[in-house]
Amino acid sequence: MDRLDIRRSLTVAACLAVITVAIQFSGDSPSIWRKFLQYLFFLPGVIAAFWFGWRGGLLTAIVATLCYAPSLTSLTVEQTGESLDLLLIGSLLGFLADREHRKTRLLEKTTAELSAAYDQLQRNVERWKQAERLSAIGQLSAGLAHEIRTPLAAIEGAAELLRSDRADSALRDEMTAILQKESKRLNRLLTELLDYARPRRPEFLSIELTPLVEGIVRLLQVQASKKSIALQPALPASLPPVQCDPEQLRQVLLNLTLNAIQAADRPGAIHIEARARDTFIDMEIRDDGPGIPADVRAHLFEPFFTTKNDGTGLGLAVTKTIIESHGGQIAVEPNTPRGARFLITIPLQQESKPE
């Protein structure tokens, strides 16, 4: 028996003693007052039933009956009925209390098991994330080695030709151009790799989307005109402000629009649209170019996956990382009847996160 049970037992005993003494000292008090004191014997039985179950309730009821009527042979019919009520109520309440105690213990056990299962699940998730990160690092390293090998081979070949006796002025100019081109390619590859592997944390500001899109259109207008591509923004005047990192969102829209221009195989148009939906903003960049095959769409946002001869395969991977850091999603679908549609969804307001 622990200390709590001892204190509870002493409390029940004290109640019985106080009631018994009160009845003894009541003497010839009016019957209604004495009857009230006698009914108080139910109180310790009820308390003991809730604390100790049916055994405690029954034992307390027996003790209360003895205190109530020490001489069982002299009990009246009324006192016998009250004594039986004491025994019945103590036992019944104890039985109900025992059942509730069992339910409580079962609930506590189930809660503990669920808590342990949740902890185990969290540990499994962390191990899975670690394995996924290691796998991603391995794929990233393999892809980086493959992407670096090509420009390095070109640089090495150009350097050998420059050192040879056959390096006339025209050849030197050609090899120098190759060195510059491949050096820029390596620099772009490393820059995009850093953007992907260690993305800058967004600095959220509330901005109007229309001026940002108009700036992108002005910036790419010359390149689009060379391929007879019309850039057609369509943003409603009622568009609410969006909370985002302006530089990162500009990078996303610029990259997607530029990709659409570069993929165009004939004159056409690129549509840049946006619309508010509940607490989100949906953006769409749609072209009528050659489109993207289904097998290519499945791998489009993977690092180092590219269909361009001089592409690094990191542009769209960085784009996806930026959108996800804004709490959004990006997807690509075929356009009708021709071309591709890039769909972006981000929240209008960013949830504040602890530092």
Protein backbone atom coordinates (compact mmCIF):
# COMPACT_ATOMS: atom_id res chain seq x y z
CA MET A 1 0.00 0.00 0.00
CA ASP A 2 1.52 3.32 -1.02
CA ARG A 3 1.33 6.61 0.85
CA LEU A 4 -1.67 7.83 -1.15
CA ASP A 5 -3.68 4.72 -0.23
CA ILE A 6 -2.70 5.12 3.44
CA ARG A 7 -3.86 8.75 3.45
CA ARG A 8 -7.12 7.75 1.77
CA SER A 9 -7.70 4.93 4.28
CA LEU A 10 -7.10 7.30 7.19
CA THR A 11 -9.54 9.79 5.64
CA VAL A 12 -12.29 7.16 5.39
CA ALA A 13 -11.62 5.96 8.95
CA ALA A 14 -11.71 9.53 10.22
CA CYS A 15 -15.08 10.12 8.54
CA LEU A 16 -16.50 6.98 10.15
CA ALA A 17 -15.12 7.99 13.55
CA VAL A 18 -16.46 11.55 13.37
CA ILE A 19 -19.95 10.39 12.34
CA THR A 20 -20.01 7.70 15.05
CA VAL A 21 -18.95 10.18 17.76
CA ALA A 22 -21.51 12.71 16.52
CA ILE A 23 -24.30 10.10 16.80
CA GLN A 24 -23.17 9.08 20.31
CA PHE A 25 -23.16 12.68 21.48
CA SER A 26 -26.51 13.43 19.87
CA GLY A 27 -28.18 11.48 22.69
CA ASP A 28 -31.85 12.37 22.78
CA SER A 29 -31.67 14.88 19.96
CA PRO A 30 -34.73 15.24 17.72
CA SER A 31 -35.18 12.21 15.48
CA ILE A 32 -34.68 14.21 12.26
CA TRP A 33 -31.20 15.36 13.37
CA ARG A 34 -30.21 11.85 14.45
CA LYS A 35 -31.56 10.44 11.17
CA PHE A 36 -29.41 12.94 9.23
CA LEU A 37 -26.32 11.81 11.12
CA GLN A 38 -27.16 8.17 10.41
CA TYR A 39 -27.47 8.86 6.67
CA LEU A 40 -23.99 10.40 6.74
CA PHE A 41 -22.66 6.82 7.05
CA PHE A 42 -23.29 6.53 3.29
CA LEU A 43 -20.62 9.18 2.63
CA PRO A 44 -17.46 7.22 3.63
CA GLY A 45 -18.82 4.18 1.78
CA VAL A 46 -19.21 6.17 -1.42
CA ILE A 47 -15.74 7.71 -1.04
CA ALA A 48 -14.12 4.33 -0.34
CA ALA A 49 -15.91 2.78 -3.33
CA PHE A 50 -14.45 5.38 -5.71
CA TRP A 51 -10.98 5.15 -4.20
CA PHE A 52 -10.64 1.41 -3.55
CA GLY A 53 -13.26 -0.29 -5.72
CA TRP A 54 -15.90 -2.78 -4.64
CA ARG A 55 -13.75 -4.35 -1.92
CA GLY A 56 -13.10 -1.00 -0.26
CA GLY A 57 -16.73 0.03 -0.65
CA LEU A 58 -18.05 -3.22 0.84
CA LEU A 59 -15.58 -3.23 3.75
CA THR A 60 -16.38 0.39 4.59
CA ALA A 61 -20.11 -0.35 4.37
CA ILE A 62 -19.68 -3.25 6.87
CA VAL A 63 -17.72 -1.05 9.28
CA ALA A 64 -20.32 1.72 8.89
CA THR A 65 -23.08 -0.78 9.65
CA LEU A 66 -21.32 -1.90 12.84
CA CYS A 67 -20.83 1.72 13.86
CA TYR A 68 -24.44 2.44 13.00
CA ALA A 69 -25.80 -0.50 14.97
CA PRO A 70 -23.20 -2.29 17.13
CA SER A 71 -25.74 -4.91 18.23
CA LEU A 72 -26.99 -6.62 15.08
CA THR A 73 -29.56 -8.60 17.08
CA SER A 74 -31.32 -5.42 18.20
CA LEU A 75 -31.76 -3.92 14.69
CA THR A 76 -35.22 -2.76 13.74
CA VAL A 77 -36.69 -3.45 10.32
CA GLU A 78 -35.84 0.12 9.24
CA GLN A 79 -32.27 -0.16 10.49
CA THR A 80 -31.89 -3.54 8.77
CA GLY A 81 -33.02 -1.98 5.47
CA GLU A 82 -30.62 0.94 5.90
CA SER A 83 -27.78 -1.47 6.69
CA LEU A 84 -28.50 -3.48 3.56
CA ASP A 85 -28.62 -0.21 1.58
CA LEU A 86 -25.16 0.63 2.92
CA LEU A 87 -23.80 -2.74 1.82
CA LEU A 88 -25.54 -2.60 -1.57
CA ILE A 89 -24.52 0.98 -2.41
CA GLY A 90 -20.91 0.43 -1.30
CA SER A 91 -20.60 -2.75 -3.38
CA LEU A 92 -22.38 -1.36 -6.47
CA LEU A 93 -20.48 1.91 -6.53
CA GLY A 94 -17.25 0.02 -5.95
CA PHE A 95 -18.02 -2.27 -8.88
CA LEU A 96 -18.71 0.73 -11.14
CA ALA A 97 -15.57 2.46 -9.90
CA ASP A 98 -13.51 -0.67 -10.58
CA ARG A 99 -14.81 -0.75 -14.15
CA GLU A 100 -13.92 2.90 -14.67
CA HIS A 101 -10.48 2.30 -13.17
CA ARG A 102 -9.92 -0.59 -15.60
CA LYS A 103 -10.96 1.65 -18.50
CA THR A 104 -8.61 4.36 -17.28
CA ARG A 105 -5.71 1.91 -16.99
CA LEU A 106 -6.50 0.53 -20.45
CA LEU A 107 -6.61 4.05 -21.85
CA GLU A 108 -3.30 4.91 -20.18
CA LYS A 109 -1.75 1.71 -21.54
CA THR A 110 -3.08 2.39 -25.03
CA THR A 111 -1.85 5.98 -24.85
CA ALA A 112 1.60 4.80 -23.77
CA GLU A 113 1.69 2.24 -26.59
CA LEU A 114 0.58 4.85 -29.14
CA SER A 115 3.17 7.28 -27.81
CA ALA A 116 5.88 4.62 -28.12
CA ALA A 117 4.68 3.73 -31.62
CA TYR A 118 4.71 7.42 -32.59
CA ASP A 119 8.24 7.83 -31.24
CA GLN A 120 9.34 4.77 -33.19
CA LEU A 121 7.65 6.15 -36.30
CA GLN A 122 9.44 9.46 -35.84
CA ARG A 123 12.76 7.63 -35.53
CA ASN A 124 11.97 5.62 -38.67
CA VAL A 125 11.03 8.80 -40.54
CA GLU A 126 14.30 10.44 -39.49
CA ARG A 127 16.25 7.38 -40.63
CA TRP A 128 14.33 7.39 -43.91
CA LYS A 129 15.06 11.10 -44.39
CA GLN A 130 18.74 10.50 -43.67
CA ALA A 131 18.84 7.64 -46.16
CA GLU A 132 17.03 9.80 -48.70
CA ARG A 133 19.51 12.63 -48.15
CA LEU A 134 22.45 10.25 -48.57
CA SER A 135 20.89 8.88 -51.75
CA ALA A 136 20.30 12.42 -53.06
CA ILE A 137 23.90 13.35 -52.26
CA GLY A 138 25.10 10.28 -54.15
CA GLN A 139 22.97 11.10 -57.19
CA LEU A 140 24.01 14.74 -56.99
CA SER A 141 27.69 13.81 -56.85
CA ALA A 142 27.35 11.42 -59.80
CA GLY A 143 25.48 14.01 -61.84
CA LEU A 144 27.95 16.74 -60.97
CA ALA A 145 30.91 14.58 -61.96
CA HIS A 146 29.25 13.81 -65.28
CA GLU A 147 28.38 17.45 -65.97
CA ILE A 148 31.86 18.73 -65.07
CA ARG A 149 33.66 16.10 -67.14
CA THR A 150 32.40 17.43 -70.50
CA PRO A 151 33.53 21.08 -70.16
CA LEU A 152 36.80 19.96 -68.56
CA ALA A 153 37.50 17.71 -71.54
CA ALA A 154 36.79 20.63 -73.91
CA ILE A 155 39.07 22.93 -71.87
CA GLU A 156 41.83 20.33 -71.80
CA GLY A 157 41.58 19.79 -75.58
CA ALA A 158 41.60 23.51 -76.29
CA ALA A 159 44.63 24.04 -74.04
CA GLU A 160 46.58 21.25 -75.82
CA LEU A 161 45.82 22.75 -79.21
CA LEU A 162 46.92 26.19 -78.00
CA ARG A 163 50.25 24.70 -76.93
CA SER A 164 50.80 22.87 -80.20
CA ASP A 165 52.83 24.18 -83.13
CA ARG A 166 49.70 24.18 -85.33
CA ALA A 167 48.06 26.94 -83.25
CA ASP A 168 47.72 29.75 -85.78
CA SER A 169 45.82 32.97 -85.07
CA ALA A 170 42.42 31.64 -86.19
CA LEU A 171 42.83 28.44 -84.17
CA ARG A 172 43.89 30.42 -81.10
CA ASP A 173 40.80 32.59 -81.39
CA GLU A 174 38.57 29.50 -81.73
CA MET A 175 40.21 27.71 -78.80
CA THR A 176 40.08 30.84 -76.65
CA ALA A 177 36.36 31.13 -77.37
CA ILE A 178 35.91 27.49 -76.33
CA LEU A 179 37.82 28.12 -73.10
CA GLN A 180 35.63 31.12 -72.30
CA LYS A 181 32.41 29.28 -73.18
CA GLU A 182 33.22 26.20 -71.13
CA SER A 183 34.50 28.27 -68.18
CA LYS A 184 31.20 30.17 -68.14
CA ARG A 185 29.35 26.87 -68.32
CA LEU A 186 31.26 25.54 -65.32
CA ASN A 187 30.60 28.76 -63.42
CA ARG A 188 26.87 28.56 -64.23
CA LEU A 189 26.81 24.90 -63.21
CA LEU A 190 28.43 25.60 -59.84
CA THR A 191 26.19 28.63 -59.23
CA GLU A 192 23.02 26.64 -59.92
CA LEU A 193 24.36 23.74 -57.87
CA LEU A 194 24.82 26.03 -54.88
CA ASP A 195 21.33 27.47 -55.40
CA TYR A 196 19.93 23.95 -55.36
CA ALA A 197 22.03 22.42 -52.57
CA ARG A 198 22.03 25.48 -50.29
CA PRO A 199 19.03 27.61 -51.24
CA ARG A 200 18.80 31.10 -49.83
CA ARG A 201 16.12 31.48 -47.20
CA PRO A 202 13.19 33.48 -48.62
CA GLU A 203 12.73 37.05 -47.41
CA PHE A 204 8.98 37.51 -47.61
CA LEU A 205 7.52 40.83 -48.67
CA SER A 206 3.99 41.76 -49.70
CA ILE A 207 4.14 42.75 -53.38
CA GLU A 208 1.90 43.41 -56.36
CA LEU A 209 2.41 40.66 -58.92
CA THR A 210 1.57 42.72 -62.01
CA PRO A 211 4.67 45.01 -61.96
CA LEU A 212 6.91 41.97 -61.39
CA VAL A 213 5.47 40.16 -64.45
CA GLU A 214 5.63 43.31 -66.56
CA GLY A 215 9.33 43.66 -65.68
CA ILE A 216 9.98 40.08 -66.83
CA VAL A 217 8.16 40.74 -70.11
CA ARG A 218 10.28 43.84 -70.79
CA LEU A 219 13.47 41.92 -69.96
CA LEU A 220 12.71 39.03 -72.34
CA GLN A 221 10.98 41.00 -75.08
CA VAL A 222 14.04 41.17 -77.34
CA GLN A 223 14.76 37.42 -77.13
CA ALA A 224 11.10 36.63 -77.74
CA SER A 225 10.93 38.96 -80.76
CA LYS A 226 13.90 37.24 -82.40
CA LYS A 227 11.82 34.04 -82.54
CA SER A 228 8.55 35.86 -83.35
CA ILE A 229 7.10 34.98 -79.94
CA ALA A 230 4.51 37.28 -78.39
CA LEU A 231 4.64 37.55 -74.59
CA GLN A 232 1.07 38.01 -73.38
CA PRO A 233 0.61 38.67 -69.65
CA ALA A 234 -2.98 38.50 -68.36
CA LEU A 235 -3.30 39.53 -64.73
CA PRO A 236 -6.60 40.94 -63.41
CA ALA A 237 -6.58 44.37 -61.79
CA SER A 238 -8.30 42.91 -58.72
CA LEU A 239 -5.40 40.57 -57.99
CA PRO A 240 -4.53 40.83 -54.25
CA PRO A 241 -0.95 41.35 -53.04
CA VAL A 242 1.07 38.17 -52.56
CA GLN A 243 3.61 37.58 -49.80
CA CYS A 244 6.77 36.18 -51.35
CA ASP A 245 10.47 36.71 -51.92
CA PRO A 246 10.35 39.02 -54.97
CA GLU A 247 13.81 38.07 -56.24
CA GLN A 248 13.16 34.34 -55.98
CA LEU A 249 9.72 34.56 -57.58
CA ARG A 250 11.20 36.68 -60.38
CA GLN A 251 13.84 33.98 -60.88
CA VAL A 252 11.13 31.31 -61.14
CA LEU A 253 8.97 33.18 -63.67
CA LEU A 254 12.02 34.33 -65.64
CA ASN A 255 13.37 30.78 -65.88
CA LEU A 256 10.05 29.28 -66.99
CA THR A 257 9.35 32.00 -69.54
CA LEU A 258 12.89 31.84 -70.94
CA ASN A 259 12.63 28.05 -71.25
CA ALA A 260 9.40 28.47 -73.21
CA ILE A 261 11.08 30.97 -75.56
CA GLN A 262 14.07 28.70 -76.12
CA ALA A 263 11.84 25.67 -76.76
CA ALA A 264 9.71 27.45 -79.39
CA ASP A 265 10.05 25.93 -82.86
CA ARG A 266 7.80 28.38 -84.68
CA PRO A 267 6.14 31.79 -84.19
CA GLY A 268 3.57 31.78 -81.42
CA ALA A 269 2.68 33.20 -78.03
CA ILE A 270 3.52 32.66 -74.38
CA HIS A 271 0.74 33.45 -71.91
CA ILE A 272 1.52 34.48 -68.33
CA GLU A 273 -1.61 34.41 -66.21
CA ALA A 274 -2.51 34.64 -62.53
CA ARG A 275 -5.70 34.42 -60.50
CA ALA A 276 -6.60 34.39 -56.80
CA ARG A 277 -8.29 31.32 -55.32
CA ASP A 278 -9.31 31.36 -51.67
CA THR A 279 -6.04 31.90 -49.76
CA PHE A 280 -3.80 30.95 -52.71
CA ILE A 281 -2.67 32.47 -55.95
CA ASP A 282 -2.46 30.34 -59.09
CA MET A 283 0.03 31.28 -61.82
CA GLU A 284 0.27 29.72 -65.24
CA ILE A 285 2.88 29.99 -67.99
CA ARG A 286 1.46 28.48 -71.18
CA ASP A 287 3.06 28.20 -74.62
CA ASP A 288 2.16 26.68 -77.98
CA GLY A 289 5.58 25.20 -78.68
CA PRO A 290 6.48 21.57 -79.37
CA GLY A 291 5.36 20.46 -75.90
CA ILE A 292 7.04 18.06 -73.48
CA PRO A 293 6.71 14.27 -73.89
CA ALA A 294 5.21 12.36 -70.97
CA ASP A 295 8.44 10.44 -70.25
CA VAL A 296 10.34 13.74 -70.04
CA ARG A 297 7.69 15.42 -67.84
CA ALA A 298 8.12 12.64 -65.26
CA HIS A 299 11.79 13.63 -64.69
CA LEU A 300 11.64 17.34 -65.49
CA PHE A 301 12.33 18.63 -61.97
CA GLU A 302 15.08 16.13 -61.14
CA PRO A 303 18.60 17.53 -60.71
CA PHE A 304 20.87 17.23 -63.77
CA PHE A 305 18.02 16.09 -66.01
CA THR A 306 18.05 18.18 -69.18
CA THR A 307 17.12 17.93 -72.84
CA LYS A 308 19.33 20.88 -73.83
CA ASN A 309 22.76 20.36 -75.28
CA ASP A 310 24.28 23.07 -73.09
CA GLY A 311 21.89 22.81 -70.14
CA THR A 312 22.97 22.04 -66.59
CA GLY A 313 19.72 20.32 -65.61
CA LEU A 314 19.47 22.36 -62.41
CA GLY A 315 17.28 25.27 -63.46
CA LEU A 316 13.93 23.55 -62.94
CA ALA A 317 15.20 21.73 -59.84
CA VAL A 318 16.06 25.13 -58.31
CA THR A 319 12.67 26.46 -59.44
CA LYS A 320 10.87 23.62 -57.64
CA THR A 321 12.95 24.21 -54.48
CA ILE A 322 12.01 27.91 -54.46
CA ILE A 323 8.30 27.22 -54.90
CA GLU A 324 8.33 24.61 -52.12
CA SER A 325 10.16 27.04 -49.80
CA HIS A 326 7.16 29.36 -50.35
CA GLY A 327 4.81 26.58 -49.24
CA GLY A 328 3.60 26.05 -52.81
CA GLN A 329 3.56 23.51 -55.60
CA ILE A 330 4.61 23.43 -59.24
CA ALA A 331 3.44 21.04 -61.95
CA VAL A 332 3.66 20.71 -65.72
CA GLU A 333 0.89 19.57 -68.04
CA PRO A 334 0.43 19.36 -71.81
CA ASN A 335 -1.28 22.37 -73.40
CA THR A 336 -4.15 22.07 -75.83
CA PRO A 337 -3.77 21.69 -78.75
CA ARG A 338 0.00 22.18 -78.58
CA GLY A 339 2.67 23.19 -76.11
CA ALA A 340 3.12 22.97 -72.33
CA ARG A 341 1.58 24.52 -69.23
CA PHE A 342 3.53 25.19 -66.03
CA LEU A 343 1.16 25.62 -63.07
CA ILE A 344 2.32 27.30 -59.85
CA THR A 345 0.35 27.64 -56.63
CA ILE A 346 1.61 29.55 -53.58
CA PRO A 347 -0.18 30.95 -50.51
CA LEU A 348 -1.16 34.61 -50.55
CA GLN A 349 0.11 34.92 -46.97
CA GLN A 350 3.03 33.06 -45.49
CA GLU A 351 2.70 31.47 -42.06
CA SER A 352 5.12 32.91 -39.55
CA LYS A 353 7.69 30.28 -38.52
CA PRO A 354 9.91 30.34 -35.44
CA GLU A 355 13.55 31.21 -36.04
